[in-house]
Amino acid sequence: MIEEQEKSGLEHERRFAALEQNVAVIMSNYATKEDLAKLQTQLARMGTQMAQMETRLIKWVIGAMAASIVSVIGTALSVAKLFMS
């Protein structure tokens, strides 16, 4: 009888140790509220940076289009001068 109780006690200890280990693994892999708050802050910062980059890209596209238009007009005027002379 005592031997069975000891075996049962050892089995419970083994199972409890395994449970503790599983809980430790779960706790180490899950995000905390603080982790989520940091992530939200980083995402907001990234959104701001993306908006700034979009603005810069739009400015570059408009500038390139303007330069192309000026180039085409300049070329057209040069060709017109050749035929007008």
PDB file of N, CA and C in Angstrom:
ATOM      1  N   MET A   1       0.807  -1.190   0.000  1.00  0.00           N
ATOM      2  CA  MET A   1       0.000   0.000   0.000  1.00  0.00           C
ATOM      3  C   MET A   1       0.858   1.265   0.000  1.00  0.00           C
ATOM      4  N   ILE A   2       1.864   1.321   0.840  1.00  0.00           N
ATOM      5  CA  ILE A   2       2.764   2.475   0.913  1.00  0.00           C
ATOM      6  C   ILE A   2       3.523   2.621  -0.393  1.00  0.00           C
ATOM      7  N   GLU A   3       3.897   1.492  -0.977  1.00  0.00           N
ATOM      8  CA  GLU A   3       4.625   1.500  -2.249  1.00  0.00           C
ATOM      9  C   GLU A   3       3.763   2.096  -3.360  1.00  0.00           C
ATOM     10  N   GLU A   4       2.485   1.778  -3.366  1.00  0.00           N
ATOM     11  CA  GLU A   4       1.572   2.328  -4.367  1.00  0.00           C
ATOM     12  C   GLU A   4       1.408   3.834  -4.174  1.00  0.00           C
ATOM     13  N   GLN A   5       1.338   4.270  -2.925  1.00  0.00           N
ATOM     14  CA  GLN A   5       1.210   5.695  -2.637  1.00  0.00           C
ATOM     15  C   GLN A   5       2.463   6.451  -3.087  1.00  0.00           C
ATOM     16  N   GLU A   6       3.616   5.845  -2.872  1.00  0.00           N
ATOM     17  CA  GLU A   6       4.862   6.473  -3.302  1.00  0.00           C
ATOM     18  C   GLU A   6       4.900   6.579  -4.830  1.00  0.00           C
ATOM     19  N   LYS A   7       4.484   5.513  -5.517  1.00  0.00           N
ATOM     20  CA  LYS A   7       4.449   5.533  -6.978  1.00  0.00           C
ATOM     21  C   LYS A   7       3.465   6.598  -7.455  1.00  0.00           C
ATOM     22  N   SER A   8       2.321   6.661  -6.812  1.00  0.00           N
ATOM     23  CA  SER A   8       1.311   7.647  -7.177  1.00  0.00           C
ATOM     24  C   SER A   8       1.836   9.056  -6.922  1.00  0.00           C
ATOM     25  N   GLY A   9       2.507   9.252  -5.802  1.00  0.00           N
ATOM     26  CA  GLY A   9       3.089  10.552  -5.460  1.00  0.00           C
ATOM     27  C   GLY A   9       4.150  10.954  -6.470  1.00  0.00           C
ATOM     28  N   LEU A  10       4.993  10.009  -6.873  1.00  0.00           N
ATOM     29  CA  LEU A  10       6.032  10.282  -7.866  1.00  0.00           C
ATOM     30  C   LEU A  10       5.403  10.631  -9.222  1.00  0.00           C
ATOM     31  N   GLU A  11       4.344   9.909  -9.553  1.00  0.00           N
ATOM     32  CA  GLU A  11       3.639  10.188 -10.817  1.00  0.00           C
ATOM     33  C   GLU A  11       3.045  11.595 -10.795  1.00  0.00           C
ATOM     34  N   HIS A  12       2.457  11.980  -9.674  1.00  0.00           N
ATOM     35  CA  HIS A  12       1.898  13.325  -9.543  1.00  0.00           C
ATOM     36  C   HIS A  12       2.996  14.383  -9.634  1.00  0.00           C
ATOM     37  N   GLU A  13       4.117  14.132  -9.006  1.00  0.00           N
ATOM     38  CA  GLU A  13       5.237  15.073  -9.073  1.00  0.00           C
ATOM     39  C   GLU A  13       5.743  15.217 -10.508  1.00  0.00           C
ATOM     40  N   ARG A  14       5.836  14.104 -11.221  1.00  0.00           N
ATOM     41  CA  ARG A  14       6.306  14.124 -12.601  1.00  0.00           C
ATOM     42  C   ARG A  14       5.337  14.925 -13.475  1.00  0.00           C
ATOM     43  N   ARG A  15       4.042  14.661 -13.284  1.00  0.00           N
ATOM     44  CA  ARG A  15       3.038  15.362 -14.072  1.00  0.00           C
ATOM     45  C   ARG A  15       3.018  16.855 -13.728  1.00  0.00           C
ATOM     46  N   PHE A  16       3.174  17.187 -12.458  1.00  0.00           N
ATOM     47  CA  PHE A  16       3.203  18.578 -12.036  1.00  0.00           C
ATOM     48  C   PHE A  16       4.420  19.296 -12.618  1.00  0.00           C
ATOM     49  N   ALA A  17       5.572  18.622 -12.628  1.00  0.00           N
ATOM     50  CA  ALA A  17       6.785  19.217 -13.207  1.00  0.00           C
ATOM     51  C   ALA A  17       6.589  19.467 -14.700  1.00  0.00           C
ATOM     52  N   ALA A  18       5.961  18.523 -15.383  1.00  0.00           N
ATOM     53  CA  ALA A  18       5.692  18.698 -16.811  1.00  0.00           C
ATOM     54  C   ALA A  18       4.729  19.859 -17.028  1.00  0.00           C
ATOM     55  N   LEU A  19       3.730  19.979 -16.172  1.00  0.00           N
ATOM     56  CA  LEU A  19       2.770  21.071 -16.259  1.00  0.00           C
ATOM     57  C   LEU A  19       3.453  22.417 -16.027  1.00  0.00           C
ATOM     58  N   GLU A  20       4.329  22.473 -15.029  1.00  0.00           N
ATOM     59  CA  GLU A  20       5.071  23.710 -14.772  1.00  0.00           C
ATOM     60  C   GLU A  20       5.912  24.108 -15.982  1.00  0.00           C
ATOM     61  N   GLN A  21       6.550  23.131 -16.581  1.00  0.00           N
ATOM     62  CA  GLN A  21       7.379  23.405 -17.757  1.00  0.00           C
ATOM     63  C   GLN A  21       6.520  23.922 -18.915  1.00  0.00           C
ATOM     64  N   ASN A  22       5.364  23.305 -19.124  1.00  0.00           N
ATOM     65  CA  ASN A  22       4.469  23.747 -20.197  1.00  0.00           C
ATOM     66  C   ASN A  22       3.986  25.171 -19.958  1.00  0.00           C
ATOM     67  N   VAL A  23       3.643  25.497 -18.744  1.00  0.00           N
ATOM     68  CA  VAL A  23       3.184  26.847 -18.417  1.00  0.00           C
ATOM     69  C   VAL A  23       4.320  27.852 -18.635  1.00  0.00           C
ATOM     70  N   ALA A  24       5.534  27.487 -18.265  1.00  0.00           N
ATOM     71  CA  ALA A  24       6.681  28.374 -18.468  1.00  0.00           C
ATOM     72  C   ALA A  24       6.896  28.636 -19.959  1.00  0.00           C
ATOM     73  N   VAL A  25       6.758  27.611 -20.774  1.00  0.00           N
ATOM     74  CA  VAL A  25       6.918  27.776 -22.222  1.00  0.00           C
ATOM     75  C   VAL A  25       5.820  28.677 -22.770  1.00  0.00           C
ATOM     76  N   ILE A  26       4.602  28.455 -22.336  1.00  0.00           N
ATOM     77  CA  ILE A  26       3.476  29.278 -22.794  1.00  0.00           C
ATOM     78  C   ILE A  26       3.702  30.735 -22.405  1.00  0.00           C
ATOM     79  N   MET A  27       4.095  30.975 -21.165  1.00  0.00           N
ATOM     80  CA  MET A  27       4.293  32.349 -20.699  1.00  0.00           C
ATOM     81  C   MET A  27       5.428  33.040 -21.446  1.00  0.00           C
ATOM     82  N   SER A  28       6.447  32.292 -21.826  1.00  0.00           N
ATOM     83  CA  SER A  28       7.576  32.916 -22.518  1.00  0.00           C
ATOM     84  C   SER A  28       7.253  33.225 -23.975  1.00  0.00           C
ATOM     85  N   ASN A  29       6.237  32.603 -24.535  1.00  0.00           N
ATOM     86  CA  ASN A  29       5.921  32.782 -25.951  1.00  0.00           C
ATOM     87  C   ASN A  29       4.763  33.731 -26.216  1.00  0.00           C
ATOM     88  N   TYR A  30       4.032  34.119 -25.227  1.00  0.00           N
ATOM     89  CA  TYR A  30       2.879  34.984 -25.430  1.00  0.00           C
ATOM     90  C   TYR A  30       3.250  36.441 -25.172  1.00  0.00           C
ATOM     91  N   ALA A  31       2.578  37.336 -25.858  1.00  0.00           N
ATOM     92  CA  ALA A  31       2.834  38.764 -25.711  1.00  0.00           C
ATOM     93  C   ALA A  31       2.097  39.306 -24.492  1.00  0.00           C
ATOM     94  N   THR A  32       2.723  40.275 -23.863  1.00  0.00           N
ATOM     95  CA  THR A  32       2.092  40.945 -22.730  1.00  0.00           C
ATOM     96  C   THR A  32       1.395  42.207 -23.238  1.00  0.00           C
ATOM     97  N   LYS A  33       0.645  42.859 -22.371  1.00  0.00           N
ATOM     98  CA  LYS A  33      -0.004  44.115 -22.740  1.00  0.00           C
ATOM     99  C   LYS A  33       1.055  45.152 -23.102  1.00  0.00           C
ATOM    100  N   GLU A  34       2.161  45.128 -22.386  1.00  0.00           N
ATOM    101  CA  GLU A  34       3.253  46.058 -22.679  1.00  0.00           C
ATOM    102  C   GLU A  34       3.826  45.799 -24.076  1.00  0.00           C
ATOM    103  N   ASP A  35       3.994  44.526 -24.431  1.00  0.00           N
ATOM    104  CA  ASP A  35       4.477  44.177 -25.773  1.00  0.00           C
ATOM    105  C   ASP A  35       3.526  44.696 -26.843  1.00  0.00           C
ATOM    106  N   LEU A  36       2.240  44.537 -26.619  1.00  0.00           N
ATOM    107  CA  LEU A  36       1.241  45.008 -27.583  1.00  0.00           C
ATOM    108  C   LEU A  36       1.243  46.523 -27.685  1.00  0.00           C
ATOM    109  N   ALA A  37       1.429  47.210 -26.570  1.00  0.00           N
ATOM    110  CA  ALA A  37       1.478  48.674 -26.584  1.00  0.00           C
ATOM    111  C   ALA A  37       2.702  49.144 -27.376  1.00  0.00           C
ATOM    112  N   LYS A  38       3.845  48.483 -27.176  1.00  0.00           N
ATOM    113  CA  LYS A  38       5.050  48.836 -27.940  1.00  0.00           C
ATOM    114  C   LYS A  38       4.824  48.606 -29.428  1.00  0.00           C
ATOM    115  N   LEU A  39       4.205  47.496 -29.765  1.00  0.00           N
ATOM    116  CA  LEU A  39       3.936  47.186 -31.165  1.00  0.00           C
ATOM    117  C   LEU A  39       3.004  48.228 -31.779  1.00  0.00           C
ATOM    118  N   GLN A  40       1.997  48.641 -31.032  1.00  0.00           N
ATOM    119  CA  GLN A  40       1.062  49.645 -31.526  1.00  0.00           C
ATOM    120  C   GLN A  40       1.786  50.964 -31.772  1.00  0.00           C
ATOM    121  N   THR A  41       2.693  51.331 -30.878  1.00  0.00           N
ATOM    122  CA  THR A  41       3.481  52.550 -31.047  1.00  0.00           C
ATOM    123  C   THR A  41       4.356  52.457 -32.291  1.00  0.00           C
ATOM    124  N   GLN A  42       4.999  51.308 -32.481  1.00  0.00           N
ATOM    125  CA  GLN A  42       5.850  51.113 -33.659  1.00  0.00           C
ATOM    126  C   GLN A  42       5.028  51.171 -34.945  1.00  0.00           C
ATOM    127  N   LEU A  43       3.850  50.578 -34.933  1.00  0.00           N
ATOM    128  CA  LEU A  43       2.995  50.607 -36.120  1.00  0.00           C
ATOM    129  C   LEU A  43       2.544  52.028 -36.440  1.00  0.00           C
ATOM    130  N   ALA A  44       2.230  52.793 -35.415  1.00  0.00           N
ATOM    131  CA  ALA A  44       1.826  54.189 -35.629  1.00  0.00           C
ATOM    132  C   ALA A  44       2.989  54.977 -36.226  1.00  0.00           C
ATOM    133  N   ARG A  45       4.197  54.740 -35.708  1.00  0.00           N
ATOM    134  CA  ARG A  45       5.379  55.431 -36.229  1.00  0.00           C
ATOM    135  C   ARG A  45       5.627  55.031 -37.686  1.00  0.00           C
ATOM    136  N   MET A  46       5.449  53.767 -37.995  1.00  0.00           N
ATOM    137  CA  MET A  46       5.633  53.300 -39.369  1.00  0.00           C
ATOM    138  C   MET A  46       4.592  53.925 -40.295  1.00  0.00           C
ATOM    139  N   GLY A  47       3.373  54.061 -39.814  1.00  0.00           N
ATOM    140  CA  GLY A  47       2.326  54.693 -40.614  1.00  0.00           C
ATOM    141  C   GLY A  47       2.678  56.131 -40.933  1.00  0.00           C
ATOM    142  N   THR A  48       3.228  56.835 -39.953  1.00  0.00           N
ATOM    143  CA  THR A  48       3.652  58.221 -40.171  1.00  0.00           C
ATOM    144  C   THR A  48       4.780  58.284 -41.190  1.00  0.00           C
ATOM    145  N   GLN A  49       5.747  57.375 -41.056  1.00  0.00           N
ATOM    146  CA  GLN A  49       6.869  57.347 -41.994  1.00  0.00           C
ATOM    147  C   GLN A  49       6.391  57.026 -43.409  1.00  0.00           C
ATOM    148  N   MET A  50       5.443  56.116 -43.526  1.00  0.00           N
ATOM    149  CA  MET A  50       4.916  55.771 -44.849  1.00  0.00           C
ATOM    150  C   MET A  50       4.208  56.965 -45.471  1.00  0.00           C
ATOM    151  N   ALA A  51       3.468  57.720 -44.682  1.00  0.00           N
ATOM    152  CA  ALA A  51       2.776  58.903 -45.196  1.00  0.00           C
ATOM    153  C   ALA A  51       3.786  59.937 -45.680  1.00  0.00           C
ATOM    154  N   GLN A  52       4.882  60.108 -44.929  1.00  0.00           N
ATOM    155  CA  GLN A  52       5.929  61.040 -45.339  1.00  0.00           C
ATOM    156  C   GLN A  52       6.590  60.574 -46.635  1.00  0.00           C
ATOM    157  N   MET A  53       6.842  59.279 -46.733  1.00  0.00           N
ATOM    158  CA  MET A  53       7.451  58.744 -47.951  1.00  0.00           C
ATOM    159  C   MET A  53       6.523  58.906 -49.145  1.00  0.00           C
ATOM    160  N   GLU A  54       5.231  58.721 -48.920  1.00  0.00           N
ATOM    161  CA  GLU A  54       4.260  58.895 -49.998  1.00  0.00           C
ATOM    162  C   GLU A  54       4.261  60.341 -50.490  1.00  0.00           C
ATOM    163  N   THR A  55       4.325  61.278 -49.563  1.00  0.00           N
ATOM    164  CA  THR A  55       4.367  62.686 -49.922  1.00  0.00           C
ATOM    165  C   THR A  55       5.620  62.993 -50.744  1.00  0.00           C
ATOM    166  N   ARG A  56       6.762  62.459 -50.291  1.00  0.00           N
ATOM    167  CA  ARG A  56       8.004  62.677 -51.034  1.00  0.00           C
ATOM    168  C   ARG A  56       7.928  62.058 -52.423  1.00  0.00           C
ATOM    169  N   LEU A  57       7.352  60.887 -52.523  1.00  0.00           N
ATOM    170  CA  LEU A  57       7.229  60.227 -53.820  1.00  0.00           C
ATOM    171  C   LEU A  57       6.353  61.038 -54.767  1.00  0.00           C
ATOM    172  N   ILE A  58       5.252  61.558 -54.259  1.00  0.00           N
ATOM    173  CA  ILE A  58       4.360  62.383 -55.079  1.00  0.00           C
ATOM    174  C   ILE A  58       5.104  63.618 -55.574  1.00  0.00           C
ATOM    175  N   LYS A  59       5.889  64.242 -54.690  1.00  0.00           N
ATOM    176  CA  LYS A  59       6.662  65.416 -55.096  1.00  0.00           C
ATOM    177  C   LYS A  59       7.658  65.057 -56.194  1.00  0.00           C
ATOM    178  N   TRP A  60       8.322  63.916 -56.053  1.00  0.00           N
ATOM    179  CA  TRP A  60       9.284  63.480 -57.072  1.00  0.00           C
ATOM    180  C   TRP A  60       8.584  63.214 -58.408  1.00  0.00           C
ATOM    181  N   VAL A  61       7.441  62.590 -58.375  1.00  0.00           N
ATOM    182  CA  VAL A  61       6.711  62.300 -59.616  1.00  0.00           C
ATOM    183  C   VAL A  61       6.282  63.593 -60.291  1.00  0.00           C
ATOM    184  N   ILE A  62       5.748  64.517 -59.506  1.00  0.00           N
ATOM    185  CA  ILE A  62       5.339  65.805 -60.076  1.00  0.00           C
ATOM    186  C   ILE A  62       6.549  66.537 -60.644  1.00  0.00           C
ATOM    187  N   GLY A  63       7.665  66.515 -59.933  1.00  0.00           N
ATOM    188  CA  GLY A  63       8.886  67.155 -60.420  1.00  0.00           C
ATOM    189  C   GLY A  63       9.380  66.518 -61.710  1.00  0.00           C
ATOM    190  N   ALA A  64       9.349  65.192 -61.774  1.00  0.00           N
ATOM    191  CA  ALA A  64       9.786  64.494 -62.988  1.00  0.00           C
ATOM    192  C   ALA A  64       8.858  64.805 -64.155  1.00  0.00           C
ATOM    193  N   MET A  65       7.562  64.874 -63.887  1.00  0.00           N
ATOM    194  CA  MET A  65       6.607  65.213 -64.948  1.00  0.00           C
ATOM    195  C   MET A  65       6.843  66.639 -65.447  1.00  0.00           C
ATOM    196  N   ALA A  66       7.082  67.555 -64.523  1.00  0.00           N
ATOM    197  CA  ALA A  66       7.334  68.947 -64.901  1.00  0.00           C
ATOM    198  C   ALA A  66       8.614  69.040 -65.734  1.00  0.00           C
ATOM    199  N   ALA A  67       9.650  68.330 -65.309  1.00  0.00           N
ATOM    200  CA  ALA A  67      10.909  68.337 -66.067  1.00  0.00           C
ATOM    201  C   ALA A  67      10.703  67.753 -67.459  1.00  0.00           C
ATOM    202  N   SER A  68       9.901  66.712 -67.552  1.00  0.00           N
ATOM    203  CA  SER A  68       9.622  66.107 -68.864  1.00  0.00           C
ATOM    204  C   SER A  68       8.867  67.087 -69.750  1.00  0.00           C
ATOM    205  N   ILE A  69       7.906  67.784 -69.190  1.00  0.00           N
ATOM    206  CA  ILE A  69       7.120  68.754 -69.968  1.00  0.00           C
ATOM    207  C   ILE A  69       8.023  69.890 -70.459  1.00  0.00           C
ATOM    208  N   VAL A  70       8.869  70.392 -69.560  1.00  0.00           N
ATOM    209  CA  VAL A  70       9.794  71.461 -69.943  1.00  0.00           C
ATOM    210  C   VAL A  70      10.733  70.967 -71.040  1.00  0.00           C
ATOM    211  N   SER A  71      11.202  69.739 -70.916  1.00  0.00           N
ATOM    212  CA  SER A  71      12.094  69.167 -71.926  1.00  0.00           C
ATOM    213  C   SER A  71      11.400  69.044 -73.279  1.00  0.00           C
ATOM    214  N   VAL A  72      10.159  68.583 -73.272  1.00  0.00           N
ATOM    215  CA  VAL A  72       9.399  68.442 -74.524  1.00  0.00           C
ATOM    216  C   VAL A  72       9.141  69.811 -75.145  1.00  0.00           C
ATOM    217  N   ILE A  73       8.777  70.786 -74.324  1.00  0.00           N
ATOM    218  CA  ILE A  73       8.535  72.135 -74.839  1.00  0.00           C
ATOM    219  C   ILE A  73       9.826  72.721 -75.414  1.00  0.00           C
ATOM    220  N   GLY A  74      10.931  72.530 -74.700  1.00  0.00           N
ATOM    221  CA  GLY A  74      12.220  73.030 -75.189  1.00  0.00           C
ATOM    222  C   GLY A  74      12.603  72.387 -76.509  1.00  0.00           C
ATOM    223  N   THR A  75      12.393  71.091 -76.605  1.00  0.00           N
ATOM    224  CA  THR A  75      12.693  70.380 -77.855  1.00  0.00           C
ATOM    225  C   THR A  75      11.795  70.892 -78.968  1.00  0.00           C
ATOM    226  N   ALA A  76      10.527  71.058 -78.692  1.00  0.00           N
ATOM    227  CA  ALA A  76       9.588  71.546 -79.706  1.00  0.00           C
ATOM    228  C   ALA A  76       9.970  72.942 -80.176  1.00  0.00           C
ATOM    229  N   LEU A  77      10.370  73.809 -79.255  1.00  0.00           N
ATOM    230  CA  LEU A  77      10.789  75.158 -79.630  1.00  0.00           C
ATOM    231  C   LEU A  77      12.056  75.124 -80.474  1.00  0.00           C
ATOM    232  N   SER A  78      12.990  74.257 -80.134  1.00  0.00           N
ATOM    233  CA  SER A  78      14.235  74.132 -80.915  1.00  0.00           C
ATOM    234  C   SER A  78      13.936  73.647 -82.327  1.00  0.00           C
ATOM    235  N   VAL A  79      13.059  72.671 -82.439  1.00  0.00           N
ATOM    236  CA  VAL A  79      12.683  72.147 -83.764  1.00  0.00           C
ATOM    237  C   VAL A  79      11.938  73.235 -84.541  1.00  0.00           C
ATOM    238  N   ALA A  80      11.077  73.991 -83.868  1.00  0.00           N
ATOM    239  CA  ALA A  80      10.322  75.073 -84.535  1.00  0.00           C
ATOM    240  C   ALA A  80      11.269  76.136 -85.054  1.00  0.00           C
ATOM    241  N   LYS A  81      12.309  76.470 -84.268  1.00  0.00           N
ATOM    242  CA  LYS A  81      13.288  77.470 -84.703  1.00  0.00           C
ATOM    243  C   LYS A  81      14.024  76.999 -85.955  1.00  0.00           C
ATOM    244  N   LEU A  82      14.314  75.703 -86.020  1.00  0.00           N
ATOM    245  CA  LEU A  82      15.006  75.170 -87.184  1.00  0.00           C
ATOM    246  C   LEU A  82      14.170  75.357 -88.451  1.00  0.00           C
ATOM    247  N   PHE A  83      12.875  75.127 -88.333  1.00  0.00           N
ATOM    248  CA  PHE A  83      12.013  75.242 -89.496  1.00  0.00           C
ATOM    249  C   PHE A  83      11.621  76.679 -89.796  1.00  0.00           C
ATOM    250  N   MET A  84      11.675  77.563 -88.830  1.00  0.00           N
ATOM    251  CA  MET A  84      11.311  78.964 -89.012  1.00  0.00           C
ATOM    252  C   MET A  84      12.451  79.761 -89.640  1.00  0.00           C
ATOM    253  N   SER A  85      13.650  79.312 -89.478  1.00  0.00           N
ATOM    254  CA  SER A  85      14.777  80.079 -90.000  1.00  0.00           C
ATOM    255  C   SER A  85      14.900  79.975 -91.481  1.00  0.00           C
TER     256      SER A  85
END
